[in-house]
């Protein structure tokens, strides 16, 4: 079974491979995630060549069903995040 890597494990692995402190690596990751989140929230497309692309997409209003009652409900238009794997990430998975 594949290992699940959470943020703590990721920080520890990066710190070990770069000789940086875990506090420094954690701060850098927090800043990276904040910048990506902020850019995507504004509607900007974030591209890290070879690794991934993140962008905000719009979803149209639609009609759905309440699974408990079967009654129709209106689902408002909104936004989703679309992540696309880059060529290097795809190659690493093969």
PDB file of N, CA and C in Angstrom:
ATOM      1  N   UNK A   1       0.848  -1.185   0.000  1.00  0.00           N
ATOM      2  CA  UNK A   1       0.000   0.000   0.000  1.00  0.00           C
ATOM      3  C   UNK A   1       0.892   1.246   0.000  1.00  0.00           C
ATOM      4  N   UNK A   2       0.478   2.248  -0.701  1.00  0.00           N
ATOM      5  CA  UNK A   2       1.245   3.483  -0.824  1.00  0.00           C
ATOM      6  C   UNK A   2       1.209   4.285   0.477  1.00  0.00           C
ATOM      7  N   UNK A   3       2.284   4.978   0.739  1.00  0.00           N
ATOM      8  CA  UNK A   3       2.394   5.826   1.925  1.00  0.00           C
ATOM      9  C   UNK A   3       1.631   7.128   1.697  1.00  0.00           C
ATOM     10  N   UNK A   4       0.977   7.600   2.736  1.00  0.00           N
ATOM     11  CA  UNK A   4       0.341   8.911   2.691  1.00  0.00           C
ATOM     12  C   UNK A   4       1.313   9.910   3.286  1.00  0.00           C
ATOM     13  N   UNK A   5       1.639  10.920   2.501  1.00  0.00           N
ATOM     14  CA  UNK A   5       2.573  11.941   2.973  1.00  0.00           C
ATOM     15  C   UNK A   5       1.780  13.200   3.305  1.00  0.00           C
ATOM     16  N   UNK A   6       1.791  13.572   4.581  1.00  0.00           N
ATOM     17  CA  UNK A   6       1.115  14.804   4.980  1.00  0.00           C
ATOM     18  C   UNK A   6       2.132  15.937   5.026  1.00  0.00           C
ATOM     19  N   UNK A   7       1.685  17.106   5.414  1.00  0.00           N
ATOM     20  CA  UNK A   7       2.561  18.277   5.399  1.00  0.00           C
ATOM     21  C   UNK A   7       3.752  18.108   6.349  1.00  0.00           C
ATOM     22  N   UNK A   8       3.511  17.544   7.515  1.00  0.00           N
ATOM     23  CA  UNK A   8       4.596  17.358   8.488  1.00  0.00           C
ATOM     24  C   UNK A   8       5.690  16.461   7.921  1.00  0.00           C
ATOM     25  N   UNK A   9       5.277  15.353   7.296  1.00  0.00           N
ATOM     26  CA  UNK A   9       6.237  14.435   6.696  1.00  0.00           C
ATOM     27  C   UNK A   9       6.973  15.096   5.542  1.00  0.00           C
ATOM     28  N   UNK A  10       6.243  15.843   4.740  1.00  0.00           N
ATOM     29  CA  UNK A  10       6.847  16.539   3.606  1.00  0.00           C
ATOM     30  C   UNK A  10       7.895  17.544   4.077  1.00  0.00           C
ATOM     31  N   UNK A  11       7.554  18.313   5.104  1.00  0.00           N
ATOM     32  CA  UNK A  11       8.492  19.287   5.657  1.00  0.00           C
ATOM     33  C   UNK A  11       9.750  18.587   6.158  1.00  0.00           C
ATOM     34  N   UNK A  12       9.582  17.481   6.869  1.00  0.00           N
ATOM     35  CA  UNK A  12      10.732  16.743   7.403  1.00  0.00           C
ATOM     36  C   UNK A  12      11.623  16.210   6.283  1.00  0.00           C
ATOM     37  N   UNK A  13      11.018  15.677   5.223  1.00  0.00           N
ATOM     38  CA  UNK A  13      11.798  15.135   4.104  1.00  0.00           C
ATOM     39  C   UNK A  13      12.552  16.238   3.358  1.00  0.00           C
ATOM     40  N   UNK A  14      11.895  17.366   3.125  1.00  0.00           N
ATOM     41  CA  UNK A  14      12.560  18.475   2.436  1.00  0.00           C
ATOM     42  C   UNK A  14      13.679  19.035   3.301  1.00  0.00           C
ATOM     43  N   UNK A  15      13.438  19.183   4.584  1.00  0.00           N
ATOM     44  CA  UNK A  15      14.462  19.700   5.496  1.00  0.00           C
ATOM     45  C   UNK A  15      15.687  18.791   5.505  1.00  0.00           C
ATOM     46  N   UNK A  16      15.456  17.494   5.504  1.00  0.00           N
ATOM     47  CA  UNK A  16      16.572  16.545   5.519  1.00  0.00           C
ATOM     48  C   UNK A  16      17.370  16.586   4.219  1.00  0.00           C
ATOM     49  N   UNK A  17      16.692  16.787   3.102  1.00  0.00           N
ATOM     50  CA  UNK A  17      17.399  16.776   1.817  1.00  0.00           C
ATOM     51  C   UNK A  17      18.060  18.110   1.472  1.00  0.00           C
ATOM     52  N   UNK A  18      17.693  19.184   2.180  1.00  0.00           N
ATOM     53  CA  UNK A  18      18.264  20.501   1.873  1.00  0.00           C
ATOM     54  C   UNK A  18      19.112  21.074   3.001  1.00  0.00           C
ATOM     55  N   UNK A  19      19.200  20.385   4.100  1.00  0.00           N
ATOM     56  CA  UNK A  19      19.916  20.884   5.287  1.00  0.00           C
ATOM     57  C   UNK A  19      19.335  22.195   5.814  1.00  0.00           C
ATOM     58  N   UNK A  20      18.078  22.454   5.530  1.00  0.00           N
ATOM     59  CA  UNK A  20      17.388  23.625   6.079  1.00  0.00           C
ATOM     60  C   UNK A  20      16.608  23.169   7.308  1.00  0.00           C
ATOM     61  N   UNK A  21      16.273  24.095   8.172  1.00  0.00           N
ATOM     62  CA  UNK A  21      15.501  23.730   9.361  1.00  0.00           C
ATOM     63  C   UNK A  21      14.054  23.444   8.968  1.00  0.00           C
ATOM     64  N   UNK A  22      13.398  22.635   9.773  1.00  0.00           N
ATOM     65  CA  UNK A  22      11.993  22.334   9.503  1.00  0.00           C
ATOM     66  C   UNK A  22      11.136  23.590   9.611  1.00  0.00           C
ATOM     67  N   UNK A  23      11.497  24.513  10.493  1.00  0.00           N
ATOM     68  CA  UNK A  23      10.747  25.764  10.633  1.00  0.00           C
ATOM     69  C   UNK A  23      10.838  26.582   9.352  1.00  0.00           C
ATOM     70  N   UNK A  24      12.026  26.636   8.765  1.00  0.00           N
ATOM     71  CA  UNK A  24      12.220  27.391   7.521  1.00  0.00           C
ATOM     72  C   UNK A  24      11.437  26.752   6.384  1.00  0.00           C
ATOM     73  N   UNK A  25      11.554  25.433   6.266  1.00  0.00           N
ATOM     74  CA  UNK A  25      10.837  24.721   5.194  1.00  0.00           C
ATOM     75  C   UNK A  25       9.330  24.890   5.372  1.00  0.00           C
ATOM     76  N   UNK A  26       8.842  24.791   6.608  1.00  0.00           N
ATOM     77  CA  UNK A  26       7.415  24.971   6.880  1.00  0.00           C
ATOM     78  C   UNK A  26       6.935  26.358   6.492  1.00  0.00           C
ATOM     79  N   UNK A  27       7.739  27.376   6.798  1.00  0.00           N
ATOM     80  CA  UNK A  27       7.372  28.756   6.450  1.00  0.00           C
ATOM     81  C   UNK A  27       7.346  28.945   4.935  1.00  0.00           C
ATOM     82  N   UNK A  28       8.314  28.347   4.244  1.00  0.00           N
ATOM     83  CA  UNK A  28       8.352  28.460   2.783  1.00  0.00           C
ATOM     84  C   UNK A  28       7.137  27.769   2.166  1.00  0.00           C
ATOM     85  N   UNK A  29       6.804  26.569   2.650  1.00  0.00           N
ATOM     86  CA  UNK A  29       5.624  25.879   2.126  1.00  0.00           C
ATOM     87  C   UNK A  29       4.342  26.656   2.405  1.00  0.00           C
ATOM     88  N   UNK A  30       4.216  27.216   3.606  1.00  0.00           N
ATOM     89  CA  UNK A  30       3.036  28.023   3.934  1.00  0.00           C
ATOM     90  C   UNK A  30       2.919  29.211   2.985  1.00  0.00           C
ATOM     91  N   UNK A  31       4.042  29.879   2.711  1.00  0.00           N
ATOM     92  CA  UNK A  31       4.030  31.019   1.791  1.00  0.00           C
ATOM     93  C   UNK A  31       3.676  30.575   0.378  1.00  0.00           C
ATOM     94  N   UNK A  32       4.213  29.438  -0.059  1.00  0.00           N
ATOM     95  CA  UNK A  32       3.904  28.911  -1.391  1.00  0.00           C
ATOM     96  C   UNK A  32       2.415  28.618  -1.520  1.00  0.00           C
ATOM     97  N   UNK A  33       1.850  27.909  -0.538  1.00  0.00           N
ATOM     98  CA  UNK A  33       0.434  27.573  -0.578  1.00  0.00           C
ATOM     99  C   UNK A  33      -0.438  28.826  -0.543  1.00  0.00           C
ATOM    100  N   UNK A  34      -0.042  29.818   0.233  1.00  0.00           N
ATOM    101  CA  UNK A  34      -0.810  31.066   0.320  1.00  0.00           C
ATOM    102  C   UNK A  34      -0.789  31.809  -1.014  1.00  0.00           C
ATOM    103  N   UNK A  35       0.367  31.864  -1.658  1.00  0.00           N
ATOM    104  CA  UNK A  35       0.474  32.552  -2.948  1.00  0.00           C
ATOM    105  C   UNK A  35      -0.355  31.841  -4.017  1.00  0.00           C
ATOM    106  N   UNK A  36      -0.281  30.520  -4.068  1.00  0.00           N
ATOM    107  CA  UNK A  36      -1.062  29.764  -5.055  1.00  0.00           C
ATOM    108  C   UNK A  36      -2.547  29.947  -4.785  1.00  0.00           C
ATOM    109  N   UNK A  37      -2.957  29.821  -3.528  1.00  0.00           N
ATOM    110  CA  UNK A  37      -4.374  29.980  -3.169  1.00  0.00           C
ATOM    111  C   UNK A  37      -4.890  31.372  -3.528  1.00  0.00           C
ATOM    112  N   UNK A  38      -4.112  32.386  -3.205  1.00  0.00           N
ATOM    113  CA  UNK A  38      -4.525  33.759  -3.497  1.00  0.00           C
ATOM    114  C   UNK A  38      -4.647  34.020  -4.985  1.00  0.00           C
ATOM    115  N   UNK A  39      -3.695  33.515  -5.756  1.00  0.00           N
ATOM    116  CA  UNK A  39      -3.731  33.729  -7.200  1.00  0.00           C
ATOM    117  C   UNK A  39      -4.923  33.021  -7.827  1.00  0.00           C
ATOM    118  N   UNK A  40      -5.159  31.766  -7.439  1.00  0.00           N
ATOM    119  CA  UNK A  40      -6.282  31.018  -8.009  1.00  0.00           C
ATOM    120  C   UNK A  40      -7.607  31.650  -7.587  1.00  0.00           C
ATOM    121  N   UNK A  41      -7.697  32.119  -6.349  1.00  0.00           N
ATOM    122  CA  UNK A  41      -8.922  32.763  -5.873  1.00  0.00           C
ATOM    123  C   UNK A  41      -9.249  34.017  -6.683  1.00  0.00           C
ATOM    124  N   UNK A  42      -8.205  34.744  -7.133  1.00  0.00           N
ATOM    125  CA  UNK A  42      -8.422  35.945  -7.946  1.00  0.00           C
ATOM    126  C   UNK A  42      -8.771  35.606  -9.391  1.00  0.00           C
ATOM    127  N   UNK A  43      -8.605  34.341  -9.779  1.00  0.00           N
ATOM    128  CA  UNK A  43      -8.895  33.949 -11.150  1.00  0.00           C
ATOM    129  C   UNK A  43      -7.654  33.800 -12.009  1.00  0.00           C
ATOM    130  N   UNK A  44      -6.473  33.964 -11.401  1.00  0.00           N
ATOM    131  CA  UNK A  44      -5.228  33.789 -12.143  1.00  0.00           C
ATOM    132  C   UNK A  44      -4.936  32.305 -12.321  1.00  0.00           C
ATOM    133  N   UNK A  45      -4.204  31.986 -13.361  1.00  0.00           N
ATOM    134  CA  UNK A  45      -3.770  30.613 -13.619  1.00  0.00           C
ATOM    135  C   UNK A  45      -2.342  30.485 -13.102  1.00  0.00           C
ATOM    136  N   UNK A  46      -2.079  29.473 -12.280  1.00  0.00           N
ATOM    137  CA  UNK A  46      -0.753  29.238 -11.729  1.00  0.00           C
ATOM    138  C   UNK A  46      -0.159  28.034 -12.446  1.00  0.00           C
ATOM    139  N   UNK A  47       0.997  28.236 -13.061  1.00  0.00           N
ATOM    140  CA  UNK A  47       1.637  27.158 -13.809  1.00  0.00           C
ATOM    141  C   UNK A  47       3.059  26.963 -13.304  1.00  0.00           C
ATOM    142  N   UNK A  48       3.359  25.742 -12.901  1.00  0.00           N
ATOM    143  CA  UNK A  48       4.719  25.352 -12.535  1.00  0.00           C
ATOM    144  C   UNK A  48       5.125  24.353 -13.613  1.00  0.00           C
ATOM    145  N   UNK A  49       5.873  24.818 -14.634  1.00  0.00           N
ATOM    146  CA  UNK A  49       6.155  23.984 -15.806  1.00  0.00           C
ATOM    147  C   UNK A  49       6.710  22.603 -15.443  1.00  0.00           C
ATOM    148  N   UNK A  50       6.115  21.601 -16.059  1.00  0.00           N
ATOM    149  CA  UNK A  50       6.525  20.229 -15.836  1.00  0.00           C
ATOM    150  C   UNK A  50       5.885  19.586 -14.625  1.00  0.00           C
ATOM    151  N   UNK A  51       5.314  20.389 -13.720  1.00  0.00           N
ATOM    152  CA  UNK A  51       4.765  19.818 -12.490  1.00  0.00           C
ATOM    153  C   UNK A  51       3.241  19.898 -12.444  1.00  0.00           C
ATOM    154  N   UNK A  52       2.689  21.108 -12.405  1.00  0.00           N
ATOM    155  CA  UNK A  52       1.228  21.221 -12.378  1.00  0.00           C
ATOM    156  C   UNK A  52       0.768  22.605 -12.782  1.00  0.00           C
ATOM    157  N   UNK A  53      -0.508  22.656 -13.127  1.00  0.00           N
ATOM    158  CA  UNK A  53      -1.185  23.912 -13.415  1.00  0.00           C
ATOM    159  C   UNK A  53      -2.457  23.934 -12.574  1.00  0.00           C
ATOM    160  N   UNK A  54      -2.730  25.049 -11.920  1.00  0.00           N
ATOM    161  CA  UNK A  54      -3.932  25.214 -11.112  1.00  0.00           C
ATOM    162  C   UNK A  54      -4.684  26.430 -11.642  1.00  0.00           C
ATOM    163  N   UNK A  55      -5.975  26.264 -11.838  1.00  0.00           N
ATOM    164  CA  UNK A  55      -6.783  27.393 -12.302  1.00  0.00           C
ATOM    165  C   UNK A  55      -8.204  27.276 -11.777  1.00  0.00           C
ATOM    166  N   UNK A  56      -8.862  28.429 -11.688  1.00  0.00           N
ATOM    167  CA  UNK A  56     -10.251  28.480 -11.242  1.00  0.00           C
ATOM    168  C   UNK A  56     -11.156  28.332 -12.456  1.00  0.00           C
ATOM    169  N   UNK A  57     -12.166  27.493 -12.347  1.00  0.00           N
ATOM    170  CA  UNK A  57     -13.134  27.334 -13.426  1.00  0.00           C
ATOM    171  C   UNK A  57     -14.523  27.647 -12.878  1.00  0.00           C
ATOM    172  N   UNK A  58     -15.394  28.094 -13.749  1.00  0.00           N
ATOM    173  CA  UNK A  58     -16.761  28.424 -13.356  1.00  0.00           C
ATOM    174  C   UNK A  58     -17.665  27.220 -13.567  1.00  0.00           C
ATOM    175  N   UNK A  59     -18.626  27.064 -12.671  1.00  0.00           N
ATOM    176  CA  UNK A  59     -19.652  26.043 -12.844  1.00  0.00           C
ATOM    177  C   UNK A  59     -20.992  26.745 -12.992  1.00  0.00           C
ATOM    178  N   UNK A  60     -21.801  26.244 -13.892  1.00  0.00           N
ATOM    179  CA  UNK A  60     -23.108  26.843 -14.156  1.00  0.00           C
ATOM    180  C   UNK A  60     -24.111  26.430 -13.082  1.00  0.00           C
ATOM    181  N   UNK A  61     -25.143  27.241 -12.912  1.00  0.00           N
ATOM    182  CA  UNK A  61     -26.234  26.873 -12.021  1.00  0.00           C
ATOM    183  C   UNK A  61     -26.923  25.650 -12.622  1.00  0.00           C
ATOM    184  N   UNK A  62     -27.399  24.769 -11.740  1.00  0.00           N
ATOM    185  CA  UNK A  62     -28.033  23.559 -12.246  1.00  0.00           C
ATOM    186  C   UNK A  62     -29.059  23.059 -11.238  1.00  0.00           C
ATOM    187  N   UNK A  63     -29.815  22.078 -11.656  1.00  0.00           N
ATOM    188  CA  UNK A  63     -30.805  21.463 -10.783  1.00  0.00           C
ATOM    189  C   UNK A  63     -30.273  20.115 -10.330  1.00  0.00           C
ATOM    190  N   UNK A  64     -30.368  19.843  -9.054  1.00  0.00           N
ATOM    191  CA  UNK A  64     -29.938  18.564  -8.502  1.00  0.00           C
ATOM    192  C   UNK A  64     -31.071  17.929  -7.730  1.00  0.00           C
ATOM    193  N   UNK A  65     -30.757  16.846  -7.067  1.00  0.00           N
ATOM    194  CA  UNK A  65     -31.766  16.151  -6.263  1.00  0.00           C
ATOM    195  C   UNK A  65     -31.240  15.924  -4.855  1.00  0.00           C
ATOM    196  N   UNK A  66     -32.120  16.116  -3.874  1.00  0.00           N
ATOM    197  CA  UNK A  66     -31.803  15.776  -2.499  1.00  0.00           C
ATOM    198  C   UNK A  66     -31.800  14.249  -2.415  1.00  0.00           C
ATOM    199  N   UNK A  67     -30.673  13.633  -2.057  1.00  0.00           N
ATOM    200  CA  UNK A  67     -30.620  12.173  -2.055  1.00  0.00           C
ATOM    201  C   UNK A  67     -31.542  11.506  -1.032  1.00  0.00           C
ATOM    202  N   UNK A  68     -31.916  12.227   0.027  1.00  0.00           N
ATOM    203  CA  UNK A  68     -32.794  11.636   1.044  1.00  0.00           C
ATOM    204  C   UNK A  68     -34.259  11.676   0.642  1.00  0.00           C
ATOM    205  N   UNK A  69     -34.665  12.801   0.028  1.00  0.00           N
ATOM    206  CA  UNK A  69     -36.099  12.956  -0.289  1.00  0.00           C
ATOM    207  C   UNK A  69     -36.394  12.817  -1.764  1.00  0.00           C
ATOM    208  N   UNK A  70     -35.377  12.987  -2.604  1.00  0.00           N
ATOM    209  CA  UNK A  70     -35.607  12.938  -4.052  1.00  0.00           C
ATOM    210  C   UNK A  70     -36.126  14.254  -4.607  1.00  0.00           C
ATOM    211  N   UNK A  71     -36.326  15.253  -3.741  1.00  0.00           N
ATOM    212  CA  UNK A  71     -36.856  16.543  -4.179  1.00  0.00           C
ATOM    213  C   UNK A  71     -35.796  17.283  -4.994  1.00  0.00           C
ATOM    214  N   UNK A  72     -36.264  18.008  -6.005  1.00  0.00           N
ATOM    215  CA  UNK A  72     -35.347  18.811  -6.817  1.00  0.00           C
ATOM    216  C   UNK A  72     -34.880  20.014  -6.013  1.00  0.00           C
ATOM    217  N   UNK A  73     -33.602  20.350  -6.171  1.00  0.00           N
ATOM    218  CA  UNK A  73     -33.061  21.541  -5.528  1.00  0.00           C
ATOM    219  C   UNK A  73     -32.260  22.313  -6.562  1.00  0.00           C
ATOM    220  N   UNK A  74     -32.189  23.608  -6.372  1.00  0.00           N
ATOM    221  CA  UNK A  74     -31.404  24.450  -7.267  1.00  0.00           C
ATOM    222  C   UNK A  74     -30.006  24.605  -6.674  1.00  0.00           C
ATOM    223  N   UNK A  75     -29.009  24.332  -7.507  1.00  0.00           N
ATOM    224  CA  UNK A  75     -27.619  24.472  -7.091  1.00  0.00           C
ATOM    225  C   UNK A  75     -27.080  25.725  -7.767  1.00  0.00           C
ATOM    226  N   UNK A  76     -26.604  26.671  -6.971  1.00  0.00           N
ATOM    227  CA  UNK A  76     -26.139  27.957  -7.496  1.00  0.00           C
ATOM    228  C   UNK A  76     -24.854  27.789  -8.306  1.00  0.00           C
ATOM    229  N   UNK A  77     -24.620  28.741  -9.193  1.00  0.00           N
ATOM    230  CA  UNK A  77     -23.367  28.771  -9.936  1.00  0.00           C
ATOM    231  C   UNK A  77     -22.227  29.004  -8.961  1.00  0.00           C
ATOM    232  N   UNK A  78     -21.068  28.532  -9.297  1.00  0.00           N
ATOM    233  CA  UNK A  78     -19.940  28.701  -8.394  1.00  0.00           C
ATOM    234  C   UNK A  78     -18.622  28.521  -9.121  1.00  0.00           C
ATOM    235  N   UNK A  79     -17.597  28.225  -8.356  1.00  0.00           N
ATOM    236  CA  UNK A  79     -16.263  28.030  -8.911  1.00  0.00           C
ATOM    237  C   UNK A  79     -15.647  26.758  -8.364  1.00  0.00           C
ATOM    238  N   UNK A  80     -14.790  26.169  -9.140  1.00  0.00           N
ATOM    239  CA  UNK A  80     -14.031  24.989  -8.738  1.00  0.00           C
ATOM    240  C   UNK A  80     -12.562  25.232  -9.083  1.00  0.00           C
ATOM    241  N   UNK A  81     -11.698  24.408  -8.529  1.00  0.00           N
ATOM    242  CA  UNK A  81     -10.275  24.475  -8.863  1.00  0.00           C
ATOM    243  C   UNK A  81      -9.943  23.281  -9.741  1.00  0.00           C
ATOM    244  N   UNK A  82      -9.294  23.559 -10.850  1.00  0.00           N
ATOM    245  CA  UNK A  82      -8.878  22.503 -11.772  1.00  0.00           C
ATOM    246  C   UNK A  82      -7.360  22.367 -11.667  1.00  0.00           C
ATOM    247  N   UNK A  83      -6.889  21.155 -11.350  1.00  0.00           N
ATOM    248  CA  UNK A  83      -5.460  20.877 -11.282  1.00  0.00           C
ATOM    249  C   UNK A  83      -5.104  19.949 -12.437  1.00  0.00           C
ATOM    250  N   UNK A  84      -4.056  20.303 -13.168  1.00  0.00           N
ATOM    251  CA  UNK A  84      -3.597  19.494 -14.278  1.00  0.00           C
ATOM    252  C   UNK A  84      -2.144  19.121 -14.034  1.00  0.00           C
ATOM    253  N   UNK A  85      -1.857  17.830 -14.124  1.00  0.00           N
ATOM    254  CA  UNK A  85      -0.488  17.362 -13.917  1.00  0.00           C
ATOM    255  C   UNK A  85       0.374  17.734 -15.117  1.00  0.00           C
ATOM    256  N   UNK A  86       1.616  18.149 -14.849  1.00  0.00           N
ATOM    257  CA  UNK A  86       2.565  18.484 -15.902  1.00  0.00           C
ATOM    258  C   UNK A  86       3.268  17.239 -16.415  1.00  0.00           C
ATOM    259  N   UNK A  87       4.064  17.405 -17.454  1.00  0.00           N
ATOM    260  CA  UNK A  87       4.707  16.271 -18.121  1.00  0.00           C
ATOM    261  C   UNK A  87       5.683  15.527 -17.214  1.00  0.00           C
ATOM    262  N   UNK A  88       6.449  16.226 -16.400  1.00  0.00           N
ATOM    263  CA  UNK A  88       7.420  15.561 -15.512  1.00  0.00           C
ATOM    264  C   UNK A  88       6.697  14.766 -14.423  1.00  0.00           C
ATOM    265  N   UNK A  89       5.603  15.303 -13.893  1.00  0.00           N
ATOM    266  CA  UNK A  89       4.844  14.598 -12.880  1.00  0.00           C
ATOM    267  C   UNK A  89       4.198  13.365 -13.492  1.00  0.00           C
ATOM    268  N   UNK A  90       3.638  13.487 -14.683  1.00  0.00           N
ATOM    269  CA  UNK A  90       3.037  12.336 -15.361  1.00  0.00           C
ATOM    270  C   UNK A  90       4.070  11.264 -15.628  1.00  0.00           C
ATOM    271  N   UNK A  91       5.271  11.667 -16.071  1.00  0.00           N
ATOM    272  CA  UNK A  91       6.326  10.701 -16.349  1.00  0.00           C
ATOM    273  C   UNK A  91       6.787   9.994 -15.083  1.00  0.00           C
ATOM    274  N   UNK A  92       6.807  10.695 -13.957  1.00  0.00           N
ATOM    275  CA  UNK A  92       7.239  10.107 -12.700  1.00  0.00           C
ATOM    276  C   UNK A  92       6.254   9.043 -12.212  1.00  0.00           C
ATOM    277  N   UNK A  93       4.999   9.185 -12.582  1.00  0.00           N
ATOM    278  CA  UNK A  93       3.967   8.259 -12.133  1.00  0.00           C
ATOM    279  C   UNK A  93       3.949   6.985 -12.979  1.00  0.00           C
ATOM    280  N   UNK A  94       4.408   7.055 -14.190  1.00  0.00           N
ATOM    281  CA  UNK A  94       4.379   5.885 -15.090  1.00  0.00           C
ATOM    282  C   UNK A  94       5.238   4.761 -14.606  1.00  0.00           C
TER     283      UNK A  94
END
